[in-house]
Amino acid sequence: MNYTILTYGIYLPITVLLTVWVAKTLFNNGRIFLVDIFHGNEPLADSVNKLLIVGFYLINVGYAVFTLQIMGDITSIQLVIEKLSIKLGAIILILGGMHFFNLFVFFRLRNRAKNEIVPA
């Protein structure tokens, strides 16, 4: 029996759910940084925040779908578990890396915004 379709059926929903969860967390908690970066301009901060989330979804879901082809034939439950652990582990590492990259960018932008002279 070929378990490839079963593996896809498990992998894709978990990947999408993880991506949505991380994106919502970044969206909700990143807003305050963006408002600060944009000197209290909430409409601009919210707009940029939404654009960042769209890019986040595109990169992560795109990667997940793109790498489906690399799974190959899966002929046992053991291979299902092994492939899922490799694929989901990669997605989790990518999501974590993107999270820390976003934090790094936010802190750099925030520091730059604090150092700017804002006219009164």
PDB file of N, CA and C in Angstrom:
ATOM      1  N   MET A   1       0.843  -1.179   0.000  1.00  0.00           N
ATOM      2  CA  MET A   1       0.000   0.000   0.000  1.00  0.00           C
ATOM      3  C   MET A   1       0.893   1.249   0.000  1.00  0.00           C
ATOM      4  N   ASN A   2       0.478   2.245  -0.764  1.00  0.00           N
ATOM      5  CA  ASN A   2       1.219   3.499  -0.849  1.00  0.00           C
ATOM      6  C   ASN A   2       0.571   4.520   0.081  1.00  0.00           C
ATOM      7  N   TYR A   3       1.338   5.045   1.019  1.00  0.00           N
ATOM      8  CA  TYR A   3       0.825   5.967   2.021  1.00  0.00           C
ATOM      9  C   TYR A   3       1.106   7.431   1.676  1.00  0.00           C
ATOM     10  N   THR A   4       1.503   7.709   0.453  1.00  0.00           N
ATOM     11  CA  THR A   4       1.879   9.070   0.074  1.00  0.00           C
ATOM     12  C   THR A   4       0.711  10.042   0.230  1.00  0.00           C
ATOM     13  N   ILE A   5      -0.459   9.662  -0.256  1.00  0.00           N
ATOM     14  CA  ILE A   5      -1.630  10.545  -0.163  1.00  0.00           C
ATOM     15  C   ILE A   5      -2.008  10.788   1.299  1.00  0.00           C
ATOM     16  N   LEU A   6      -1.948   9.769   2.126  1.00  0.00           N
ATOM     17  CA  LEU A   6      -2.209   9.925   3.558  1.00  0.00           C
ATOM     18  C   LEU A   6      -1.232  10.932   4.164  1.00  0.00           C
ATOM     19  N   THR A   7       0.031  10.808   3.806  1.00  0.00           N
ATOM     20  CA  THR A   7       1.051  11.716   4.333  1.00  0.00           C
ATOM     21  C   THR A   7       0.759  13.146   3.908  1.00  0.00           C
ATOM     22  N   TYR A   8       0.402  13.348   2.650  1.00  0.00           N
ATOM     23  CA  TYR A   8       0.025  14.685   2.174  1.00  0.00           C
ATOM     24  C   TYR A   8      -1.174  15.213   2.969  1.00  0.00           C
ATOM     25  N   GLY A   9      -2.153  14.323   3.198  1.00  0.00           N
ATOM     26  CA  GLY A   9      -3.366  14.710   3.908  1.00  0.00           C
ATOM     27  C   GLY A   9      -3.119  15.110   5.357  1.00  0.00           C
ATOM     28  N   ILE A  10      -2.059  14.615   5.928  1.00  0.00           N
ATOM     29  CA  ILE A  10      -1.687  15.007   7.289  1.00  0.00           C
ATOM     30  C   ILE A  10      -0.799  16.244   7.251  1.00  0.00           C
ATOM     31  N   TYR A  11       0.178  16.232   6.363  1.00  0.00           N
ATOM     32  CA  TYR A  11       1.199  17.285   6.283  1.00  0.00           C
ATOM     33  C   TYR A  11       0.617  18.660   5.954  1.00  0.00           C
ATOM     34  N   LEU A  12      -0.190  18.734   4.918  1.00  0.00           N
ATOM     35  CA  LEU A  12      -0.706  20.039   4.486  1.00  0.00           C
ATOM     36  C   LEU A  12      -1.575  20.726   5.527  1.00  0.00           C
ATOM     37  N   PRO A  13      -2.563  20.058   6.124  1.00  0.00           N
ATOM     38  CA  PRO A  13      -3.360  20.747   7.140  1.00  0.00           C
ATOM     39  C   PRO A  13      -2.535  21.198   8.354  1.00  0.00           C
ATOM     40  N   ILE A  14      -1.613  20.349   8.813  1.00  0.00           N
ATOM     41  CA  ILE A  14      -0.784  20.745   9.955  1.00  0.00           C
ATOM     42  C   ILE A  14       0.065  21.951   9.597  1.00  0.00           C
ATOM     43  N   THR A  15       0.643  21.937   8.402  1.00  0.00           N
ATOM     44  CA  THR A  15       1.480  23.050   7.963  1.00  0.00           C
ATOM     45  C   THR A  15       0.674  24.339   7.867  1.00  0.00           C
ATOM     46  N   VAL A  16      -0.504  24.272   7.289  1.00  0.00           N
ATOM     47  CA  VAL A  16      -1.345  25.464   7.157  1.00  0.00           C
ATOM     48  C   VAL A  16      -1.774  25.967   8.537  1.00  0.00           C
ATOM     49  N   LEU A  17      -2.166  25.067   9.424  1.00  0.00           N
ATOM     50  CA  LEU A  17      -2.574  25.479  10.774  1.00  0.00           C
ATOM     51  C   LEU A  17      -1.410  26.123  11.531  1.00  0.00           C
ATOM     52  N   LEU A  18      -0.223  25.541  11.448  1.00  0.00           N
ATOM     53  CA  LEU A  18       0.949  26.138  12.097  1.00  0.00           C
ATOM     54  C   LEU A  18       1.243  27.523  11.536  1.00  0.00           C
ATOM     55  N   THR A  19       1.172  27.641  10.208  1.00  0.00           N
ATOM     56  CA  THR A  19       1.442  28.919   9.555  1.00  0.00           C
ATOM     57  C   THR A  19       0.427  29.972   9.976  1.00  0.00           C
ATOM     58  N   VAL A  20      -0.843  29.615  10.018  1.00  0.00           N
ATOM     59  CA  VAL A  20      -1.897  30.553  10.418  1.00  0.00           C
ATOM     60  C   VAL A  20      -1.701  30.971  11.877  1.00  0.00           C
ATOM     61  N   TRP A  21      -1.386  30.020  12.743  1.00  0.00           N
ATOM     62  CA  TRP A  21      -1.193  30.334  14.157  1.00  0.00           C
ATOM     63  C   TRP A  21      -0.026  31.305  14.355  1.00  0.00           C
ATOM     64  N   VAL A  22       1.111  31.011  13.717  1.00  0.00           N
ATOM     65  CA  VAL A  22       2.269  31.891  13.853  1.00  0.00           C
ATOM     66  C   VAL A  22       1.967  33.260  13.249  1.00  0.00           C
ATOM     67  N   ALA A  23       1.313  33.284  12.090  1.00  0.00           N
ATOM     68  CA  ALA A  23       0.991  34.557  11.437  1.00  0.00           C
ATOM     69  C   ALA A  23       0.078  35.414  12.317  1.00  0.00           C
ATOM     70  N   LYS A  24      -0.935  34.805  12.917  1.00  0.00           N
ATOM     71  CA  LYS A  24      -1.840  35.567  13.791  1.00  0.00           C
ATOM     72  C   LYS A  24      -1.093  36.104  15.011  1.00  0.00           C
ATOM     73  N   THR A  25      -0.207  35.288  15.555  1.00  0.00           N
ATOM     74  CA  THR A  25       0.580  35.732  16.704  1.00  0.00           C
ATOM     75  C   THR A  25       1.464  36.906  16.321  1.00  0.00           C
ATOM     76  N   LEU A  26       2.144  36.809  15.179  1.00  0.00           N
ATOM     77  CA  LEU A  26       2.987  37.905  14.710  1.00  0.00           C
ATOM     78  C   LEU A  26       2.151  39.143  14.417  1.00  0.00           C
ATOM     79  N   PHE A  27       1.006  38.955  13.789  1.00  0.00           N
ATOM     80  CA  PHE A  27       0.135  40.076  13.435  1.00  0.00           C
ATOM     81  C   PHE A  27      -0.322  40.826  14.678  1.00  0.00           C
ATOM     82  N   ASN A  28      -0.817  40.083  15.664  1.00  0.00           N
ATOM     83  CA  ASN A  28      -1.356  40.717  16.877  1.00  0.00           C
ATOM     84  C   ASN A  28      -0.267  41.369  17.719  1.00  0.00           C
ATOM     85  N   ASN A  29       0.863  40.707  17.863  1.00  0.00           N
ATOM     86  CA  ASN A  29       1.898  41.217  18.752  1.00  0.00           C
ATOM     87  C   ASN A  29       2.895  42.132  18.058  1.00  0.00           C
ATOM     88  N   GLY A  30       2.951  42.100  16.734  1.00  0.00           N
ATOM     89  CA  GLY A  30       3.866  42.969  16.001  1.00  0.00           C
ATOM     90  C   GLY A  30       3.305  44.360  15.763  1.00  0.00           C
ATOM     91  N   ARG A  31       2.016  44.507  15.914  1.00  0.00           N
ATOM     92  CA  ARG A  31       1.366  45.794  15.638  1.00  0.00           C
ATOM     93  C   ARG A  31       1.943  46.925  16.475  1.00  0.00           C
ATOM     94  N   ILE A  32       2.167  46.664  17.744  1.00  0.00           N
ATOM     95  CA  ILE A  32       2.663  47.723  18.630  1.00  0.00           C
ATOM     96  C   ILE A  32       4.030  48.236  18.175  1.00  0.00           C
ATOM     97  N   PHE A  33       4.870  47.338  17.668  1.00  0.00           N
ATOM     98  CA  PHE A  33       6.172  47.760  17.147  1.00  0.00           C
ATOM     99  C   PHE A  33       5.999  48.634  15.909  1.00  0.00           C
ATOM    100  N   LEU A  34       5.090  48.221  15.031  1.00  0.00           N
ATOM    101  CA  LEU A  34       4.885  48.988  13.805  1.00  0.00           C
ATOM    102  C   LEU A  34       4.297  50.367  14.099  1.00  0.00           C
ATOM    103  N   VAL A  35       3.378  50.444  15.044  1.00  0.00           N
ATOM    104  CA  VAL A  35       2.817  51.747  15.423  1.00  0.00           C
ATOM    105  C   VAL A  35       3.929  52.647  15.956  1.00  0.00           C
ATOM    106  N   ASP A  36       4.813  52.082  16.758  1.00  0.00           N
ATOM    107  CA  ASP A  36       5.936  52.853  17.290  1.00  0.00           C
ATOM    108  C   ASP A  36       6.894  53.269  16.174  1.00  0.00           C
ATOM    109  N   ILE A  37       7.188  52.349  15.267  1.00  0.00           N
ATOM    110  CA  ILE A  37       8.091  52.645  14.148  1.00  0.00           C
ATOM    111  C   ILE A  37       7.544  53.776  13.291  1.00  0.00           C
ATOM    112  N   PHE A  38       6.228  53.766  13.080  1.00  0.00           N
ATOM    113  CA  PHE A  38       5.599  54.769  12.231  1.00  0.00           C
ATOM    114  C   PHE A  38       5.058  55.946  13.041  1.00  0.00           C
ATOM    115  N   HIS A  39       5.629  56.167  14.212  1.00  0.00           N
ATOM    116  CA  HIS A  39       5.350  57.346  15.045  1.00  0.00           C
ATOM    117  C   HIS A  39       3.863  57.536  15.321  1.00  0.00           C
ATOM    118  N   GLY A  40       3.188  56.446  15.660  1.00  0.00           N
ATOM    119  CA  GLY A  40       1.786  56.520  16.034  1.00  0.00           C
ATOM    120  C   GLY A  40       0.806  56.520  14.877  1.00  0.00           C
ATOM    121  N   ASN A  41       1.287  56.420  13.656  1.00  0.00           N
ATOM    122  CA  ASN A  41       0.404  56.384  12.487  1.00  0.00           C
ATOM    123  C   ASN A  41      -0.209  54.982  12.383  1.00  0.00           C
ATOM    124  N   GLU A  42      -1.330  54.785  13.074  1.00  0.00           N
ATOM    125  CA  GLU A  42      -1.953  53.462  13.152  1.00  0.00           C
ATOM    126  C   GLU A  42      -2.434  52.924  11.804  1.00  0.00           C
ATOM    127  N   PRO A  43      -3.063  53.747  10.953  1.00  0.00           N
ATOM    128  CA  PRO A  43      -3.487  53.202   9.656  1.00  0.00           C
ATOM    129  C   PRO A  43      -2.308  52.673   8.831  1.00  0.00           C
ATOM    130  N   LEU A  44      -1.194  53.384   8.845  1.00  0.00           N
ATOM    131  CA  LEU A  44      -0.015  52.926   8.105  1.00  0.00           C
ATOM    132  C   LEU A  44       0.546  51.656   8.732  1.00  0.00           C
ATOM    133  N   ALA A  45       0.640  51.621  10.046  1.00  0.00           N
ATOM    134  CA  ALA A  45       1.147  50.438  10.740  1.00  0.00           C
ATOM    135  C   ALA A  45       0.267  49.218  10.459  1.00  0.00           C
ATOM    136  N   ASP A  46      -1.047  49.405  10.501  1.00  0.00           N
ATOM    137  CA  ASP A  46      -1.959  48.289  10.230  1.00  0.00           C
ATOM    138  C   ASP A  46      -1.844  47.813   8.793  1.00  0.00           C
ATOM    139  N   SER A  47      -1.684  48.737   7.877  1.00  0.00           N
ATOM    140  CA  SER A  47      -1.534  48.375   6.474  1.00  0.00           C
ATOM    141  C   SER A  47      -0.260  47.570   6.241  1.00  0.00           C
ATOM    142  N   VAL A  48       0.843  48.036   6.797  1.00  0.00           N
ATOM    143  CA  VAL A  48       2.116  47.319   6.656  1.00  0.00           C
ATOM    144  C   VAL A  48       2.023  45.956   7.333  1.00  0.00           C
ATOM    145  N   ASN A  49       1.376  45.892   8.475  1.00  0.00           N
ATOM    146  CA  ASN A  49       1.210  44.632   9.197  1.00  0.00           C
ATOM    147  C   ASN A  49       0.453  43.613   8.340  1.00  0.00           C
ATOM    148  N   LYS A  50      -0.590  44.056   7.672  1.00  0.00           N
ATOM    149  CA  LYS A  50      -1.361  43.161   6.803  1.00  0.00           C
ATOM    150  C   LYS A  50      -0.531  42.698   5.610  1.00  0.00           C
ATOM    151  N   LEU A  51       0.268  43.589   5.054  1.00  0.00           N
ATOM    152  CA  LEU A  51       1.131  43.208   3.939  1.00  0.00           C
ATOM    153  C   LEU A  51       2.190  42.192   4.377  1.00  0.00           C
ATOM    154  N   LEU A  52       2.727  42.367   5.568  1.00  0.00           N
ATOM    155  CA  LEU A  52       3.700  41.413   6.091  1.00  0.00           C
ATOM    156  C   LEU A  52       3.089  40.028   6.263  1.00  0.00           C
ATOM    157  N   ILE A  53       1.848  39.988   6.720  1.00  0.00           N
ATOM    158  CA  ILE A  53       1.172  38.703   6.925  1.00  0.00           C
ATOM    159  C   ILE A  53       0.925  38.006   5.588  1.00  0.00           C
ATOM    160  N   VAL A  54       0.535  38.764   4.583  1.00  0.00           N
ATOM    161  CA  VAL A  54       0.318  38.161   3.260  1.00  0.00           C
ATOM    162  C   VAL A  54       1.618  37.542   2.750  1.00  0.00           C
ATOM    163  N   GLY A  55       2.711  38.277   2.862  1.00  0.00           N
ATOM    164  CA  GLY A  55       4.002  37.744   2.445  1.00  0.00           C
ATOM    165  C   GLY A  55       4.395  36.513   3.240  1.00  0.00           C
ATOM    166  N   PHE A  56       4.122  36.526   4.530  1.00  0.00           N
ATOM    167  CA  PHE A  56       4.419  35.389   5.403  1.00  0.00           C
ATOM    168  C   PHE A  56       3.654  34.146   4.944  1.00  0.00           C
ATOM    169  N   TYR A  57       2.353  34.319   4.666  1.00  0.00           N
ATOM    170  CA  TYR A  57       1.548  33.202   4.172  1.00  0.00           C
ATOM    171  C   TYR A  57       2.084  32.690   2.837  1.00  0.00           C
ATOM    172  N   LEU A  58       2.368  33.590   1.928  1.00  0.00           N
ATOM    173  CA  LEU A  58       2.836  33.176   0.607  1.00  0.00           C
ATOM    174  C   LEU A  58       4.134  32.378   0.689  1.00  0.00           C
ATOM    175  N   ILE A  59       5.066  32.841   1.490  1.00  0.00           N
ATOM    176  CA  ILE A  59       6.346  32.143   1.596  1.00  0.00           C
ATOM    177  C   ILE A  59       6.172  30.767   2.229  1.00  0.00           C
ATOM    178  N   ASN A  60       5.473  30.690   3.333  1.00  0.00           N
ATOM    179  CA  ASN A  60       5.376  29.427   4.059  1.00  0.00           C
ATOM    180  C   ASN A  60       4.485  28.397   3.383  1.00  0.00           C
ATOM    181  N   VAL A  61       3.316  28.807   2.953  1.00  0.00           N
ATOM    182  CA  VAL A  61       2.440  27.854   2.267  1.00  0.00           C
ATOM    183  C   VAL A  61       3.041  27.478   0.913  1.00  0.00           C
ATOM    184  N   GLY A  62       3.646  28.446   0.240  1.00  0.00           N
ATOM    185  CA  GLY A  62       4.315  28.154  -1.025  1.00  0.00           C
ATOM    186  C   GLY A  62       5.419  27.143  -0.858  1.00  0.00           C
ATOM    187  N   TYR A  63       6.232  27.295   0.176  1.00  0.00           N
ATOM    188  CA  TYR A  63       7.307  26.340   0.438  1.00  0.00           C
ATOM    189  C   TYR A  63       6.738  24.954   0.733  1.00  0.00           C
ATOM    190  N   ALA A  64       5.687  24.906   1.548  1.00  0.00           N
ATOM    191  CA  ALA A  64       5.086  23.622   1.917  1.00  0.00           C
ATOM    192  C   ALA A  64       4.560  22.891   0.688  1.00  0.00           C
ATOM    193  N   VAL A  65       3.895  23.605  -0.187  1.00  0.00           N
ATOM    194  CA  VAL A  65       3.352  22.980  -1.396  1.00  0.00           C
ATOM    195  C   VAL A  65       4.480  22.608  -2.356  1.00  0.00           C
ATOM    196  N   PHE A  66       5.453  23.487  -2.485  1.00  0.00           N
ATOM    197  CA  PHE A  66       6.589  23.239  -3.388  1.00  0.00           C
ATOM    198  C   PHE A  66       7.350  21.977  -3.008  1.00  0.00           C
ATOM    199  N   THR A  67       7.496  21.722  -1.734  1.00  0.00           N
ATOM    200  CA  THR A  67       8.287  20.574  -1.295  1.00  0.00           C
ATOM    201  C   THR A  67       7.500  19.268  -1.246  1.00  0.00           C
ATOM    202  N   LEU A  68       6.235  19.279  -1.570  1.00  0.00           N
ATOM    203  CA  LEU A  68       5.471  18.027  -1.609  1.00  0.00           C
ATOM    204  C   LEU A  68       6.081  17.036  -2.584  1.00  0.00           C
ATOM    205  N   GLN A  69       6.532  17.505  -3.703  1.00  0.00           N
ATOM    206  CA  GLN A  69       7.080  16.649  -4.749  1.00  0.00           C
ATOM    207  C   GLN A  69       8.282  15.848  -4.249  1.00  0.00           C
ATOM    208  N   ILE A  70       9.005  16.385  -3.320  1.00  0.00           N
ATOM    209  CA  ILE A  70      10.236  15.762  -2.857  1.00  0.00           C
ATOM    210  C   ILE A  70       9.960  14.561  -1.945  1.00  0.00           C
ATOM    211  N   MET A  71       8.729  14.363  -1.516  1.00  0.00           N
ATOM    212  CA  MET A  71       8.431  13.273  -0.587  1.00  0.00           C
ATOM    213  C   MET A  71       8.690  11.898  -1.186  1.00  0.00           C
ATOM    214  N   GLY A  72       8.377  11.678  -2.444  1.00  0.00           N
ATOM    215  CA  GLY A  72       8.589  10.365  -3.053  1.00  0.00           C
ATOM    216  C   GLY A  72       7.562   9.349  -2.595  1.00  0.00           C
ATOM    217  N   ASP A  73       7.800   8.081  -2.903  1.00  0.00           N
ATOM    218  CA  ASP A  73       6.885   7.012  -2.511  1.00  0.00           C
ATOM    219  C   ASP A  73       7.028   6.706  -1.027  1.00  0.00           C
ATOM    220  N   ILE A  74       5.891   6.580  -0.382  1.00  0.00           N
ATOM    221  CA  ILE A  74       5.861   6.257   1.041  1.00  0.00           C
ATOM    222  C   ILE A  74       5.070   4.960   1.157  1.00  0.00           C
ATOM    223  N   THR A  75       5.747   3.899   1.600  1.00  0.00           N
ATOM    224  CA  THR A  75       5.156   2.564   1.531  1.00  0.00           C
ATOM    225  C   THR A  75       4.852   1.926   2.880  1.00  0.00           C
ATOM    226  N   SER A  76       5.078   2.655   3.976  1.00  0.00           N
ATOM    227  CA  SER A  76       4.777   2.088   5.292  1.00  0.00           C
ATOM    228  C   SER A  76       4.442   3.210   6.274  1.00  0.00           C
ATOM    229  N   ILE A  77       3.818   2.828   7.367  1.00  0.00           N
ATOM    230  CA  ILE A  77       3.493   3.791   8.414  1.00  0.00           C
ATOM    231  C   ILE A  77       4.775   4.389   8.992  1.00  0.00           C
ATOM    232  N   GLN A  78       5.816   3.587   9.097  1.00  0.00           N
ATOM    233  CA  GLN A  78       7.092   4.098   9.585  1.00  0.00           C
ATOM    234  C   GLN A  78       7.595   5.232   8.695  1.00  0.00           C
ATOM    235  N   LEU A  79       7.513   5.065   7.385  1.00  0.00           N
ATOM    236  CA  LEU A  79       7.939   6.123   6.465  1.00  0.00           C
ATOM    237  C   LEU A  79       7.030   7.345   6.546  1.00  0.00           C
ATOM    238  N   VAL A  80       5.734   7.134   6.807  1.00  0.00           N
ATOM    239  CA  VAL A  80       4.818   8.264   7.005  1.00  0.00           C
ATOM    240  C   VAL A  80       5.319   9.119   8.155  1.00  0.00           C
ATOM    241  N   ILE A  81       5.610   8.471   9.271  1.00  0.00           N
ATOM    242  CA  ILE A  81       6.070   9.196  10.466  1.00  0.00           C
ATOM    243  C   ILE A  81       7.416   9.864  10.198  1.00  0.00           C
ATOM    244  N   GLU A  82       8.331   9.165   9.546  1.00  0.00           N
ATOM    245  CA  GLU A  82       9.647   9.731   9.269  1.00  0.00           C
ATOM    246  C   GLU A  82       9.561  10.932   8.328  1.00  0.00           C
ATOM    247  N   LYS A  83       8.795  10.810   7.257  1.00  0.00           N
ATOM    248  CA  LYS A  83       8.650  11.918   6.307  1.00  0.00           C
ATOM    249  C   LYS A  83       7.971  13.114   6.970  1.00  0.00           C
ATOM    250  N   LEU A  84       6.909  12.835   7.748  1.00  0.00           N
ATOM    251  CA  LEU A  84       6.217  13.929   8.436  1.00  0.00           C
ATOM    252  C   LEU A  84       7.142  14.631   9.424  1.00  0.00           C
ATOM    253  N   SER A  85       7.958  13.872  10.135  1.00  0.00           N
ATOM    254  CA  SER A  85       8.860  14.515  11.104  1.00  0.00           C
ATOM    255  C   SER A  85       9.873  15.393  10.391  1.00  0.00           C
ATOM    256  N   ILE A  86      10.382  14.951   9.264  1.00  0.00           N
ATOM    257  CA  ILE A  86      11.350  15.758   8.507  1.00  0.00           C
ATOM    258  C   ILE A  86      10.668  16.996   7.933  1.00  0.00           C
ATOM    259  N   LYS A  87       9.528  16.805   7.281  1.00  0.00           N
ATOM    260  CA  LYS A  87       8.842  17.917   6.622  1.00  0.00           C
ATOM    261  C   LYS A  87       8.290  18.924   7.631  1.00  0.00           C
ATOM    262  N   LEU A  88       7.640  18.443   8.678  1.00  0.00           N
ATOM    263  CA  LEU A  88       7.083  19.358   9.682  1.00  0.00           C
ATOM    264  C   LEU A  88       8.199  20.025  10.477  1.00  0.00           C
ATOM    265  N   GLY A  89       9.262  19.293  10.742  1.00  0.00           N
ATOM    266  CA  GLY A  89      10.405  19.898  11.417  1.00  0.00           C
ATOM    267  C   GLY A  89      10.988  21.036  10.608  1.00  0.00           C
ATOM    268  N   ALA A  90      11.087  20.843   9.289  1.00  0.00           N
ATOM    269  CA  ALA A  90      11.603  21.910   8.413  1.00  0.00           C
ATOM    270  C   ALA A  90      10.681  23.123   8.443  1.00  0.00           C
ATOM    271  N   ILE A  91       9.378  22.887   8.375  1.00  0.00           N
ATOM    272  CA  ILE A  91       8.418  23.999   8.408  1.00  0.00           C
ATOM    273  C   ILE A  91       8.514  24.743   9.739  1.00  0.00           C
ATOM    274  N   ILE A  92       8.597  24.011  10.833  1.00  0.00           N
ATOM    275  CA  ILE A  92       8.686  24.649  12.149  1.00  0.00           C
ATOM    276  C   ILE A  92       9.972  25.476  12.250  1.00  0.00           C
ATOM    277  N   LEU A  93      11.085  24.943  11.758  1.00  0.00           N
ATOM    278  CA  LEU A  93      12.338  25.705  11.776  1.00  0.00           C
ATOM    279  C   LEU A  93      12.236  26.964  10.908  1.00  0.00           C
ATOM    280  N   ILE A  94      11.598  26.854   9.756  1.00  0.00           N
ATOM    281  CA  ILE A  94      11.420  28.020   8.879  1.00  0.00           C
ATOM    282  C   ILE A  94      10.535  29.063   9.556  1.00  0.00           C
ATOM    283  N   LEU A  95       9.434  28.625  10.164  1.00  0.00           N
ATOM    284  CA  LEU A  95       8.551  29.555  10.864  1.00  0.00           C
ATOM    285  C   LEU A  95       9.289  30.240  12.012  1.00  0.00           C
ATOM    286  N   GLY A  96      10.066  29.470  12.763  1.00  0.00           N
ATOM    287  CA  GLY A  96      10.851  30.049  13.851  1.00  0.00           C
ATOM    288  C   GLY A  96      11.890  31.031  13.332  1.00  0.00           C
ATOM    289  N   GLY A  97      12.560  30.664  12.241  1.00  0.00           N
ATOM    290  CA  GLY A  97      13.541  31.565  11.647  1.00  0.00           C
ATOM    291  C   GLY A  97      12.909  32.857  11.161  1.00  0.00           C
ATOM    292  N   MET A  98      11.757  32.741  10.525  1.00  0.00           N
ATOM    293  CA  MET A  98      11.067  33.941  10.052  1.00  0.00           C
ATOM    294  C   MET A  98      10.596  34.800  11.225  1.00  0.00           C
ATOM    295  N   HIS A  99      10.184  34.154  12.301  1.00  0.00           N
ATOM    296  CA  HIS A  99       9.763  34.891  13.497  1.00  0.00           C
ATOM    297  C   HIS A  99      10.936  35.717  14.040  1.00  0.00           C
ATOM    298  N   PHE A 100      12.093  35.089  14.197  1.00  0.00           N
ATOM    299  CA  PHE A 100      13.242  35.822  14.718  1.00  0.00           C
ATOM    300  C   PHE A 100      13.741  36.875  13.741  1.00  0.00           C
ATOM    301  N   PHE A 101      13.633  36.596  12.451  1.00  0.00           N
ATOM    302  CA  PHE A 101      13.994  37.608  11.451  1.00  0.00           C
ATOM    303  C   PHE A 101      13.070  38.822  11.569  1.00  0.00           C
ATOM    304  N   ASN A 102      11.762  38.565  11.716  1.00  0.00           N
ATOM    305  CA  ASN A 102      10.803  39.661  11.888  1.00  0.00           C
ATOM    306  C   ASN A 102      11.121  40.470  13.145  1.00  0.00           C
ATOM    307  N   LEU A 103      11.425  39.786  14.241  1.00  0.00           N
ATOM    308  CA  LEU A 103      11.786  40.497  15.470  1.00  0.00           C
ATOM    309  C   LEU A 103      13.030  41.355  15.260  1.00  0.00           C
ATOM    310  N   PHE A 104      14.011  40.801  14.598  1.00  0.00           N
ATOM    311  CA  PHE A 104      15.247  41.538  14.320  1.00  0.00           C
ATOM    312  C   PHE A 104      14.946  42.797  13.509  1.00  0.00           C
ATOM    313  N   VAL A 105      14.149  42.645  12.460  1.00  0.00           N
ATOM    314  CA  VAL A 105      13.798  43.789  11.610  1.00  0.00           C
ATOM    315  C   VAL A 105      13.003  44.821  12.408  1.00  0.00           C
ATOM    316  N   PHE A 106      12.020  44.363  13.193  1.00  0.00           N
ATOM    317  CA  PHE A 106      11.223  45.292  13.991  1.00  0.00           C
ATOM    318  C   PHE A 106      12.094  46.080  14.964  1.00  0.00           C
ATOM    319  N   PHE A 107      12.992  45.396  15.660  1.00  0.00           N
ATOM    320  CA  PHE A 107      13.850  46.094  16.621  1.00  0.00           C
ATOM    321  C   PHE A 107      14.787  47.073  15.926  1.00  0.00           C
ATOM    322  N   ARG A 108      15.313  46.696  14.761  1.00  0.00           N
ATOM    323  CA  ARG A 108      16.177  47.616  14.017  1.00  0.00           C
ATOM    324  C   ARG A 108      15.395  48.845  13.564  1.00  0.00           C
ATOM    325  N   LEU A 109      14.202  48.629  13.024  1.00  0.00           N
ATOM    326  CA  LEU A 109      13.373  49.747  12.585  1.00  0.00           C
ATOM    327  C   LEU A 109      12.948  50.614  13.767  1.00  0.00           C
ATOM    328  N   ARG A 110      12.638  49.971  14.875  1.00  0.00           N
ATOM    329  CA  ARG A 110      12.222  50.717  16.067  1.00  0.00           C
ATOM    330  C   ARG A 110      13.371  51.579  16.580  1.00  0.00           C
ATOM    331  N   ASN A 111      14.566  51.022  16.623  1.00  0.00           N
ATOM    332  CA  ASN A 111      15.729  51.804  17.068  1.00  0.00           C
ATOM    333  C   ASN A 111      16.002  52.964  16.125  1.00  0.00           C
ATOM    334  N   ARG A 112      15.876  52.721  14.839  1.00  0.00           N
ATOM    335  CA  ARG A 112      16.073  53.789  13.853  1.00  0.00           C
ATOM    336  C   ARG A 112      15.017  54.877  14.038  1.00  0.00           C
ATOM    337  N   ALA A 113      13.772  54.462  14.252  1.00  0.00           N
ATOM    338  CA  ALA A 113      12.689  55.442  14.423  1.00  0.00           C
ATOM    339  C   ALA A 113      12.909  56.271  15.687  1.00  0.00           C
ATOM    340  N   LYS A 114      13.420  55.650  16.749  1.00  0.00           N
ATOM    341  CA  LYS A 114      13.671  56.378  17.990  1.00  0.00           C
ATOM    342  C   LYS A 114      14.812  57.392  17.811  1.00  0.00           C
ATOM    343  N   ASN A 115      15.750  57.092  16.939  1.00  0.00           N
ATOM    344  CA  ASN A 115      16.883  57.979  16.726  1.00  0.00           C
ATOM    345  C   ASN A 115      16.575  59.123  15.766  1.00  0.00           C
ATOM    346  N   GLU A 116      15.463  59.029  15.040  1.00  0.00           N
ATOM    347  CA  GLU A 116      15.072  60.099  14.121  1.00  0.00           C
ATOM    348  C   GLU A 116      14.543  61.282  14.912  1.00  0.00           C
ATOM    349  N   ILE A 117      14.755  62.443  14.363  1.00  0.00           N
ATOM    350  CA  ILE A 117      14.191  63.647  14.973  1.00  0.00           C
ATOM    351  C   ILE A 117      12.815  63.846  14.361  1.00  0.00           C
ATOM    352  N   VAL A 118      11.815  63.792  15.216  1.00  0.00           N
ATOM    353  CA  VAL A 118      10.440  63.947  14.740  1.00  0.00           C
ATOM    354  C   VAL A 118      10.016  65.397  14.970  1.00  0.00           C
ATOM    355  N   PRO A 119       9.607  66.110  13.877  1.00  0.00           N
ATOM    356  CA  PRO A 119       9.152  67.487  14.056  1.00  0.00           C
ATOM    357  C   PRO A 119       7.868  67.540  14.888  1.00  0.00           C
ATOM    358  N   ALA A 120       7.795  68.547  15.728  1.00  0.00           N
ATOM    359  CA  ALA A 120       6.626  68.672  16.610  1.00  0.00           C
ATOM    360  C   ALA A 120       5.472  69.357  15.941  1.00  0.00           C
TER     361      ALA A 120
END
